[in-house]
């Protein structure tokens, strides 16, 4: 009798533990401090307004700050896969952080939904899926717009890190296809406080346009430097600068700048025929209800899109395994690759086993800063 009571008590205790444990654990690694905090904070805020369940399974969300530092990001990822045993990691939004995190998630067999457009060597992204559009897709939109503007020569001013390097590669390839010549290339570090020397060299080459490759609040400094030198050509910025931080940090010097973006930030301006309009409007309404008018940005949109992806993939993975197991994580990865055409706030995605970027060249939307706000270029 005593043995039966003891056994029953143990079973009840185990049941209680099971009921208390979250069913799906989401790890979030974002730059909440440091130079890229303007990218990571909106992602964290967007995830904070997710529903509490997906497919009937309770979510537990663990948020860590990578401080825009690759070493910290790797430590965060290691903690999430070893201690928290997360089912998926969302992050980072800083490309130099997201890339080394991929080694951790690959070794652990944990899917990583990167909110940075991070490139990895072929075969290294088995567990790594990107929510931002590729630089190639965005360079297509930038160069197409340059061509319409009769731009023949362009100067490049970009980060020295992976984000800058990938953009230079994408621009070089797309410009060559369209007969546009890159006449000057200058680089700077994310932590630099001045690019005066680089801008002097660029403007002396007198290009028809300058592409600035920077992100978040870091995009304002080079923007001001270019304009303060009296540059009269066209200035372009990338999708990592498609936030209000550009206008906040560059002020009137941002006026007239062209910024390539996904469709999420300009939901109301999209034509009704745009496939992402409904998803983009839903994102904007939900986010700005929580954080106020004008609070939307590119990276908050990635948080909404991560939810859409999980809501489609989780029910498929649940048919194969239980959350918290290696089998579930593998099933979730497989579900990402097999989910087919998926309409997001940021475009139409179709991940496959061969393509973990997935967006088409129709995705990029060109914006222009007019009176301190983004307007869709027609």
Protein backbone atom coordinates (compact mmCIF):
# COMPACT_ATOMS: atom_id res chain seq x y z
CA UNK A 1 0.00 0.00 0.00
CA UNK A 2 2.83 2.34 0.96
CA UNK A 3 4.58 1.52 -2.32
CA UNK A 4 1.39 2.30 -4.31
CA UNK A 5 0.95 5.66 -2.55
CA UNK A 6 4.58 6.54 -3.16
CA UNK A 7 4.31 5.60 -6.83
CA UNK A 8 1.07 7.56 -7.25
CA UNK A 9 2.65 10.62 -5.61
CA UNK A 10 5.63 10.38 -7.92
CA UNK A 11 3.39 10.12 -10.99
CA UNK A 12 1.34 13.14 -9.87
CA UNK A 13 4.54 15.10 -9.26
CA UNK A 14 5.79 14.26 -12.74
CA UNK A 15 2.42 15.24 -14.23
CA UNK A 16 2.56 18.53 -12.37
CA UNK A 17 6.08 19.17 -13.68
CA UNK A 18 4.92 18.37 -17.19
CA UNK A 19 1.97 20.74 -16.93
CA UNK A 20 4.21 23.52 -15.64
CA UNK A 21 6.82 23.11 -18.38
CA UNK A 22 6.40 25.28 -21.49
CA UNK A 23 5.59 23.19 -24.56
CA UNK A 24 7.67 25.14 -27.10
CA UNK A 25 10.70 27.15 -26.02
CA UNK A 26 11.75 30.07 -28.23
CA UNK A 27 15.21 31.53 -27.75
CA UNK A 28 15.65 35.15 -28.81
CA UNK A 29 19.13 36.68 -29.25
CA UNK A 30 19.04 40.34 -30.25
CA UNK A 31 21.21 43.45 -29.97
CA UNK A 32 19.31 45.26 -27.23
CA UNK A 33 22.34 47.45 -26.49
CA UNK A 34 25.25 48.64 -28.62
CA UNK A 35 25.33 50.10 -32.15
CA UNK A 36 22.67 47.74 -33.56
CA UNK A 37 20.18 48.14 -30.70
CA UNK A 38 17.87 50.05 -33.04
CA UNK A 39 17.42 46.79 -34.94
CA UNK A 40 17.11 44.37 -32.05
CA UNK A 41 14.72 46.25 -29.78
CA UNK A 42 11.89 46.29 -32.36
CA UNK A 43 12.28 42.53 -32.83
CA UNK A 44 12.05 42.00 -29.08
CA UNK A 45 8.99 44.27 -28.94
CA UNK A 46 7.36 42.46 -31.83
CA UNK A 47 7.84 39.08 -30.16
CA UNK A 48 6.41 40.46 -26.92
CA UNK A 49 2.99 40.80 -28.58
CA UNK A 50 2.93 37.27 -30.02
CA UNK A 51 0.06 35.04 -28.86
CA UNK A 52 0.80 32.80 -25.88
CA UNK A 53 0.29 29.59 -27.86
CA UNK A 54 0.94 28.14 -31.31
CA UNK A 55 -1.15 25.15 -32.45
CA UNK A 56 -2.36 24.74 -28.87
CA UNK A 57 1.16 24.53 -27.46
CA UNK A 58 2.25 27.02 -24.81
CA UNK A 59 5.20 29.24 -25.71
CA UNK A 60 8.09 30.02 -23.40
CA UNK A 61 10.24 32.85 -24.73
CA UNK A 62 13.77 33.45 -23.42
CA UNK A 63 15.25 36.80 -24.52
CA UNK A 64 19.00 37.54 -24.30
CA UNK A 65 20.99 40.66 -25.26
CA UNK A 66 23.95 40.06 -27.57
CA UNK A 67 25.09 43.70 -27.11
CA UNK A 68 25.97 43.85 -30.84
CA UNK A 69 28.97 41.69 -29.97
CA UNK A 70 29.73 38.39 -31.76
CA UNK A 71 31.35 36.80 -28.70
CA UNK A 72 28.34 37.62 -26.54
CA UNK A 73 25.98 36.35 -29.23
CA UNK A 74 27.79 33.01 -29.36
CA UNK A 75 27.65 32.67 -25.57
CA UNK A 76 23.93 33.47 -25.63
CA UNK A 77 23.31 30.82 -28.27
CA UNK A 78 25.35 28.25 -26.34
CA UNK A 79 23.31 28.91 -23.22
CA UNK A 80 20.03 28.61 -25.07
CA UNK A 81 20.85 25.26 -26.68
CA UNK A 82 22.53 23.67 -23.64
CA UNK A 83 20.66 25.08 -20.62
CA UNK A 84 17.28 26.16 -21.97
CA UNK A 85 17.20 23.50 -24.70
CA UNK A 86 15.22 25.79 -26.97
CA UNK A 87 13.34 24.49 -30.00
CA UNK A 88 14.31 27.43 -32.21
CA UNK A 89 16.40 30.62 -31.95
CA UNK A 90 15.31 33.97 -33.43
CA UNK A 91 18.29 36.23 -34.12
CA UNK A 92 20.50 38.05 -34.30
CA UNK A 93 19.64 41.22 -36.23
CA UNK A 94 23.33 42.16 -36.39
CA UNK A 95 24.97 40.30 -39.27
CA UNK A 96 28.41 39.95 -37.58
CA UNK A 97 26.65 38.32 -34.62
CA UNK A 98 24.23 36.08 -36.51
CA UNK A 99 27.02 34.44 -38.54
CA UNK A 100 29.09 32.94 -35.67
CA UNK A 101 25.89 31.95 -33.86
CA UNK A 102 25.19 29.66 -36.82
CA UNK A 103 28.07 27.36 -35.81
CA UNK A 104 26.41 26.85 -32.43
CA UNK A 105 22.94 26.17 -33.78
CA UNK A 106 24.29 23.83 -36.48
CA UNK A 107 26.25 21.77 -33.96
CA UNK A 108 23.21 21.58 -31.65
CA UNK A 109 20.76 20.80 -34.46
CA UNK A 110 18.58 23.77 -33.55
CA UNK A 111 16.81 25.85 -36.23
CA UNK A 112 17.90 29.52 -36.34
CA UNK A 113 15.62 32.18 -37.79
CA UNK A 114 18.09 34.94 -38.52
CA UNK A 115 16.73 38.49 -38.52
CA UNK A 116 19.92 39.63 -40.28
CA UNK A 117 20.60 39.08 -44.00
CA UNK A 118 23.65 37.00 -43.15
CA UNK A 119 25.53 35.04 -45.78
CA UNK A 120 27.10 31.68 -44.96
CA UNK A 121 29.38 29.46 -47.07
CA UNK A 122 27.57 26.89 -49.23
CA UNK A 123 26.40 23.94 -47.14
CA UNK A 124 26.74 25.80 -43.84
CA UNK A 125 23.14 26.96 -43.57
CA UNK A 126 21.38 23.63 -43.02
CA UNK A 127 19.84 24.96 -39.76
CA UNK A 128 19.96 28.65 -40.68
CA UNK A 129 16.97 30.44 -42.27
CA UNK A 130 16.80 34.16 -43.09
CA UNK A 131 13.79 36.39 -42.48
CA UNK A 132 15.26 39.51 -44.17
CA UNK A 133 15.52 39.66 -47.90
CA UNK A 134 18.90 38.81 -49.37
CA UNK A 135 21.23 41.61 -50.38
CA UNK A 136 21.06 40.23 -53.91
CA UNK A 137 17.27 40.72 -53.99
CA UNK A 138 17.56 44.23 -52.59
CA UNK A 139 20.47 45.16 -54.88
CA UNK A 140 18.22 44.17 -57.79
CA UNK A 141 15.68 46.80 -56.68
CA UNK A 142 18.35 49.44 -55.99
CA UNK A 143 20.06 49.08 -59.36
CA UNK A 144 16.73 48.92 -61.21
CA UNK A 145 15.84 52.27 -59.63
CA UNK A 146 19.26 53.71 -60.41
CA UNK A 147 18.81 52.71 -64.02
CA UNK A 148 15.46 54.52 -64.18
CA UNK A 149 17.20 57.57 -62.71
CA UNK A 150 19.84 57.39 -65.48
CA UNK A 151 22.63 56.70 -62.99
CA UNK A 152 25.81 55.68 -64.82
CA UNK A 153 28.37 55.77 -62.01
CA UNK A 154 28.10 54.96 -58.31
CA UNK A 155 30.25 55.29 -55.20
CA UNK A 156 30.11 52.76 -52.36
CA UNK A 157 30.40 53.71 -48.67
CA UNK A 158 29.83 50.71 -46.45
CA UNK A 159 30.72 48.80 -43.31
CA UNK A 160 33.96 46.82 -43.23
CA UNK A 161 32.13 43.79 -41.83
CA UNK A 162 30.13 40.99 -43.46
CA UNK A 163 27.07 43.16 -44.10
CA UNK A 164 29.13 45.67 -46.05
CA UNK A 165 31.05 43.00 -47.89
CA UNK A 166 27.93 41.14 -49.01
CA UNK A 167 26.34 44.37 -50.21
CA UNK A 168 29.46 45.31 -52.17
CA UNK A 169 29.41 41.89 -53.81
CA UNK A 170 25.70 42.16 -54.64
CA UNK A 171 26.00 45.71 -55.99
CA UNK A 172 29.04 44.85 -58.09
CA UNK A 173 27.26 41.96 -59.79
CA UNK A 174 23.99 43.82 -60.40
CA UNK A 175 25.68 47.03 -61.55
CA UNK A 176 27.78 45.13 -64.07
CA UNK A 177 24.63 43.56 -65.56
CA UNK A 178 23.13 47.01 -66.06
CA UNK A 179 26.12 48.96 -67.34
CA UNK A 180 26.65 50.97 -64.14
CA UNK A 181 30.27 51.52 -63.08
CA UNK A 182 31.43 51.60 -59.45
CA UNK A 183 33.98 54.43 -59.47
CA UNK A 184 34.93 54.55 -55.77
CA UNK A 185 34.70 52.20 -52.80
CA UNK A 186 35.20 53.34 -49.21
CA UNK A 187 34.66 51.42 -45.97
CA UNK A 188 34.25 52.20 -42.28
CA UNK A 189 33.75 50.31 -39.03
CA UNK A 190 30.43 50.29 -37.17
CA UNK A 191 32.06 51.98 -34.19
CA UNK A 192 33.62 54.82 -36.22
CA UNK A 193 32.39 58.31 -35.36
CA UNK A 194 33.57 60.02 -38.55
CA UNK A 195 33.87 59.17 -42.24
CA UNK A 196 35.12 62.56 -43.41
CA UNK A 197 38.20 61.13 -45.14
CA UNK A 198 36.20 58.48 -46.97
CA UNK A 199 33.57 60.99 -48.09
CA UNK A 200 36.23 63.34 -49.46
CA UNK A 201 37.58 60.54 -51.64
CA UNK A 202 34.10 59.53 -52.77
CA UNK A 203 32.94 63.00 -53.70
CA UNK A 204 36.18 63.70 -55.56
CA UNK A 205 35.26 60.77 -57.84
CA UNK A 206 31.98 62.63 -58.56
CA UNK A 207 29.67 59.61 -58.96
CA UNK A 208 26.06 60.04 -60.09
CA UNK A 209 24.95 58.23 -56.92
CA UNK A 210 26.35 57.00 -53.61
CA UNK A 211 25.15 53.84 -51.88
CA UNK A 212 25.57 53.94 -48.10
CA UNK A 213 25.62 50.53 -46.44
CA UNK A 214 24.98 50.95 -42.72
CA UNK A 215 22.26 50.00 -40.29
CA UNK A 216 19.86 51.46 -37.75
CA UNK A 217 21.09 54.56 -35.97
CA UNK A 218 24.50 54.00 -37.56
CA UNK A 219 23.14 55.02 -40.97
CA UNK A 220 22.71 58.67 -39.97
CA UNK A 221 26.37 59.56 -39.45
CA UNK A 222 27.60 58.71 -42.99
CA UNK A 223 24.41 60.22 -44.43
CA UNK A 224 25.15 63.56 -42.75
CA UNK A 225 28.81 63.40 -43.75
CA UNK A 226 27.92 62.97 -47.43
CA UNK A 227 25.38 65.80 -47.42
CA UNK A 228 27.58 68.19 -45.40
CA UNK A 229 30.22 67.88 -48.14
CA UNK A 230 27.66 69.39 -50.51
CA UNK A 231 27.16 66.25 -52.55
CA UNK A 232 24.43 66.88 -55.17
CA UNK A 233 23.98 63.38 -56.57
CA UNK A 234 21.49 60.73 -55.49
CA UNK A 235 22.00 58.95 -52.18
CA UNK A 236 20.77 55.42 -51.53
CA UNK A 237 20.56 53.44 -48.29
CA UNK A 238 19.92 49.72 -47.73
CA UNK A 239 17.09 47.87 -45.99
CA UNK A 240 19.01 47.89 -42.70
CA UNK A 241 18.50 51.66 -42.67
CA UNK A 242 14.75 51.52 -43.29
CA UNK A 243 13.89 52.76 -39.82
CA UNK A 244 12.92 56.07 -38.26
CA UNK A 245 16.45 56.14 -36.84
CA UNK A 246 17.65 57.40 -40.23
CA UNK A 247 15.55 60.56 -39.97
CA UNK A 248 16.16 60.89 -36.24
CA UNK A 249 19.95 60.79 -36.61
CA UNK A 250 20.38 62.53 -39.98
CA UNK A 251 17.54 65.05 -39.68
CA UNK A 252 17.06 67.19 -42.77
CA UNK A 253 20.11 65.57 -44.36
CA UNK A 254 17.99 62.44 -44.88
CA UNK A 255 15.54 64.31 -47.14
CA UNK A 256 15.40 62.94 -50.67
CA UNK A 257 17.34 59.78 -49.82
CA UNK A 258 16.23 56.56 -51.49
CA UNK A 259 15.96 53.57 -49.15
CA UNK A 260 15.24 50.03 -50.32
CA UNK A 261 12.91 48.10 -48.05
CA UNK A 262 10.54 45.22 -47.76
CA UNK A 263 6.85 46.10 -48.11
CA UNK A 264 5.99 45.86 -44.40
CA UNK A 265 6.86 49.41 -43.42
CA UNK A 266 4.71 51.01 -46.11
CA UNK A 267 1.66 48.78 -45.83
CA UNK A 268 -0.99 51.43 -46.51
CA UNK A 269 0.85 52.75 -49.58
CA UNK A 270 0.98 49.35 -51.30
CA UNK A 271 -1.48 48.73 -54.15
CA UNK A 272 -4.32 46.36 -53.28
CA UNK A 273 -2.88 43.89 -55.77
CA UNK A 274 0.35 43.51 -53.80
CA UNK A 275 0.47 39.99 -52.31
CA UNK A 276 1.85 41.23 -48.98
CA UNK A 277 -0.59 44.09 -48.43
CA UNK A 278 -2.95 42.23 -46.06
CA UNK A 279 -0.12 40.76 -44.01
CA UNK A 280 1.70 44.10 -43.91
CA UNK A 281 -1.41 46.00 -42.80
CA UNK A 282 -2.08 43.41 -40.09
CA UNK A 283 1.49 43.76 -38.84
CA UNK A 284 1.34 47.56 -38.76
CA UNK A 285 -2.03 47.66 -37.00
CA UNK A 286 -0.97 45.15 -34.36
CA UNK A 287 2.45 46.69 -33.69
CA UNK A 288 1.32 50.32 -33.61
CA UNK A 289 -1.63 49.46 -31.37
CA UNK A 290 0.94 48.24 -28.86
CA UNK A 291 3.72 50.79 -29.36
CA UNK A 292 2.09 53.85 -30.89
CA UNK A 293 1.68 55.48 -34.30
CA UNK A 294 4.83 55.53 -36.40
CA UNK A 295 6.61 52.89 -34.35
CA UNK A 296 6.72 50.31 -37.16
CA UNK A 297 9.99 49.39 -38.84
CA UNK A 298 11.67 46.72 -40.92
CA UNK A 299 12.84 44.68 -37.96
CA UNK A 300 9.56 44.69 -36.10
CA UNK A 301 8.17 43.22 -39.32
CA UNK A 302 10.64 40.34 -39.07
CA UNK A 303 9.21 39.50 -35.65
CA UNK A 304 5.71 39.32 -37.15
CA UNK A 305 6.99 37.19 -40.02
CA UNK A 306 8.77 34.80 -37.63
CA UNK A 307 5.39 34.16 -36.01
CA UNK A 308 3.76 33.51 -39.39
CA UNK A 309 6.47 31.02 -40.28
CA UNK A 310 6.19 29.22 -36.94
CA UNK A 311 2.38 29.09 -37.12
CA UNK A 312 2.72 27.31 -40.45
CA UNK A 313 5.60 24.98 -39.58
CA UNK A 314 4.84 24.00 -35.97
CA UNK A 315 1.62 22.04 -36.71
CA UNK A 316 3.55 20.02 -39.32
CA UNK A 317 6.43 19.31 -36.93
CA UNK A 318 4.04 18.32 -34.11
CA UNK A 319 2.82 15.41 -36.22
CA UNK A 320 6.32 13.94 -36.04
CA UNK A 321 7.65 14.71 -32.56
CA UNK A 322 7.17 16.45 -29.23
CA UNK A 323 8.71 19.88 -28.49
CA UNK A 324 11.87 19.86 -26.43
CA UNK A 325 13.37 16.93 -28.34
CA UNK A 326 16.00 16.71 -31.10
CA UNK A 327 13.37 15.00 -33.24
CA UNK A 328 11.04 18.01 -32.97
CA UNK A 329 13.80 20.44 -33.85
CA UNK A 330 14.67 18.36 -36.93
CA UNK A 331 11.00 18.15 -37.89
CA UNK A 332 10.67 21.92 -37.52
CA UNK A 333 13.66 22.46 -39.81
CA UNK A 334 12.14 20.10 -42.37
CA UNK A 335 8.80 21.91 -42.10
CA UNK A 336 10.47 25.24 -42.87
CA UNK A 337 11.94 23.77 -46.04
CA UNK A 338 8.64 22.23 -47.09
CA UNK A 339 6.12 24.94 -46.24
CA UNK A 340 5.95 26.27 -49.81
CA UNK A 341 4.71 29.70 -50.85
CA UNK A 342 4.21 31.74 -47.69
CA UNK A 343 3.00 35.32 -47.79
CA UNK A 344 4.68 37.51 -45.18
CA UNK A 345 4.55 41.19 -44.32
CA UNK A 346 7.95 41.47 -45.98
CA UNK A 347 7.15 39.64 -49.22
CA UNK A 348 6.55 36.17 -50.53
CA UNK A 349 8.83 33.49 -49.14
CA UNK A 350 9.45 29.99 -50.41
CA UNK A 351 12.24 28.26 -48.54
CA UNK A 352 13.49 24.99 -49.99
CA UNK A 353 16.28 22.57 -49.14
CA UNK A 354 18.47 24.44 -51.63
CA UNK A 355 17.42 28.00 -50.76
CA UNK A 356 17.17 29.32 -47.20
CA UNK A 357 16.77 32.92 -48.45
CA UNK A 358 13.61 32.31 -50.46
CA UNK A 359 12.42 35.77 -51.57
CA UNK A 360 11.90 36.71 -55.21
CA UNK A 361 13.31 39.79 -56.95
CA UNK A 362 9.82 41.37 -56.81
CA UNK A 363 10.20 41.84 -53.04
CA UNK A 364 12.22 45.06 -52.79
CA UNK A 365 10.27 48.31 -52.53
CA UNK A 366 12.03 51.63 -53.12
CA UNK A 367 11.19 54.37 -50.62
CA UNK A 368 12.08 58.05 -50.57
CA UNK A 369 12.40 60.24 -47.51
CA UNK A 370 9.91 63.10 -47.94
CA UNK A 371 9.21 65.55 -45.11
CA UNK A 372 10.72 63.16 -42.60
CA UNK A 373 8.69 60.11 -43.68
CA UNK A 374 9.05 57.20 -46.07
CA UNK A 375 7.03 57.35 -49.29
CA UNK A 376 6.88 54.58 -51.88
CA UNK A 377 8.61 55.49 -55.12
CA UNK A 378 6.45 54.77 -58.15
